[in-house]
Amino acid sequence: MNLDEDQGDMLGDLEELLSRLADAQKRLILMSAKSRTFPDNNTLQKIAALALNISAVEALISDGQSRKMRPAKAND
């Protein structure tokens, strides 16, 4: 996939996805905190999976922003 094509739209889509992922993770963490018990393995795995996905989306956003700031080369 080439982020240079429709980069503005793609970055906006990634920002929205990042927000949804972070919100889902926050809900799980707050739910776990309110229960005052140790979260079950399934909840912990969901929180961890969301953290990995959040990191991946943040990396794509960062890459897209850095590409946007530097001039494109002929072989990019």
Protein backbone atom coordinates (compact mmCIF):
# COMPACT_ATOMS: atom_id res chain seq x y z
CA MET A 1 0.00 0.00 0.00
CA ASN A 2 1.29 3.44 -0.91
CA LEU A 3 0.47 6.12 1.65
CA ASP A 4 1.44 8.84 -0.84
CA GLU A 5 -1.78 8.25 -2.77
CA ASP A 6 -4.70 10.03 -1.10
CA GLN A 7 -2.42 10.68 1.86
CA GLY A 8 -4.68 13.25 3.48
CA ASP A 9 -7.65 10.89 3.45
CA MET A 10 -5.54 7.98 4.64
CA LEU A 11 -4.06 9.94 7.54
CA GLY A 12 -7.53 11.06 8.56
CA ASP A 13 -8.78 7.47 8.42
CA LEU A 14 -5.82 6.31 10.50
CA GLU A 15 -6.43 9.04 13.09
CA GLU A 16 -10.06 7.93 13.40
CA LEU A 17 -9.01 4.29 13.74
CA LEU A 18 -6.45 5.25 16.38
CA SER A 19 -9.15 7.06 18.33
CA ARG A 20 -11.49 4.06 18.21
CA LEU A 21 -8.75 1.66 19.29
CA ALA A 22 -7.67 3.91 22.17
CA ASP A 23 -11.29 4.35 23.29
CA ALA A 24 -11.86 0.58 23.28
CA GLN A 25 -8.70 0.01 25.30
CA LYS A 26 -9.64 2.76 27.75
CA ARG A 27 -13.11 1.23 28.26
CA LEU A 28 -11.60 -2.17 29.04
CA ILE A 29 -9.09 -0.70 31.47
CA LEU A 30 -11.72 1.40 33.25
CA MET A 31 -14.09 -1.57 33.41
CA SER A 32 -11.30 -3.62 34.97
CA ALA A 33 -10.53 -0.89 37.48
CA LYS A 34 -14.18 -0.57 38.50
CA SER A 35 -14.54 -4.30 39.08
CA ARG A 36 -11.81 -4.14 41.74
CA THR A 37 -10.74 -7.65 40.82
CA PHE A 38 -7.82 -8.76 38.73
CA PRO A 39 -8.86 -8.80 35.04
CA ASP A 40 -9.36 -12.20 33.48
CA ASN A 41 -6.92 -13.44 30.85
CA ASN A 42 -9.29 -12.65 27.99
CA THR A 43 -9.54 -9.00 29.06
CA LEU A 44 -5.78 -8.75 29.52
CA GLN A 45 -5.22 -10.22 26.06
CA LYS A 46 -7.68 -7.75 24.51
CA ILE A 47 -5.93 -4.83 26.23
CA ALA A 48 -2.53 -6.07 25.03
CA ALA A 49 -3.78 -6.67 21.47
CA LEU A 50 -5.24 -3.18 21.39
CA ALA A 51 -1.90 -1.76 22.60
CA LEU A 52 -0.08 -3.51 19.74
CA ASN A 53 -2.60 -2.26 17.20
CA ILE A 54 -2.42 1.27 18.60
CA SER A 55 1.37 1.19 18.21
CA ALA A 56 1.10 -0.06 14.64
CA VAL A 57 -1.38 2.66 13.67
CA GLU A 58 0.75 5.33 15.38
CA ALA A 59 3.75 4.14 13.36
CA LEU A 60 1.79 4.41 10.12
CA ILE A 61 0.61 7.90 11.04
CA SER A 62 4.16 8.96 11.89
CA ASP A 63 5.45 7.51 8.64
CA GLY A 64 2.73 9.24 6.67
CA GLN A 65 3.42 12.57 8.34
CA SER A 66 7.16 12.33 7.75
CA ARG A 67 6.55 11.49 4.08
CA LYS A 68 4.23 14.47 3.84
CA MET A 69 6.93 16.80 5.20
CA ARG A 70 9.74 15.68 2.90
CA PRO A 71 9.72 16.12 -0.85
CA ALA A 72 9.01 12.99 -2.83
CA LYS A 73 11.94 11.44 -4.69
CA ALA A 74 11.62 9.89 -8.11
CA ASN A 75 12.09 6.40 -6.70
CA ASP A 76 9.77 6.75 -3.64
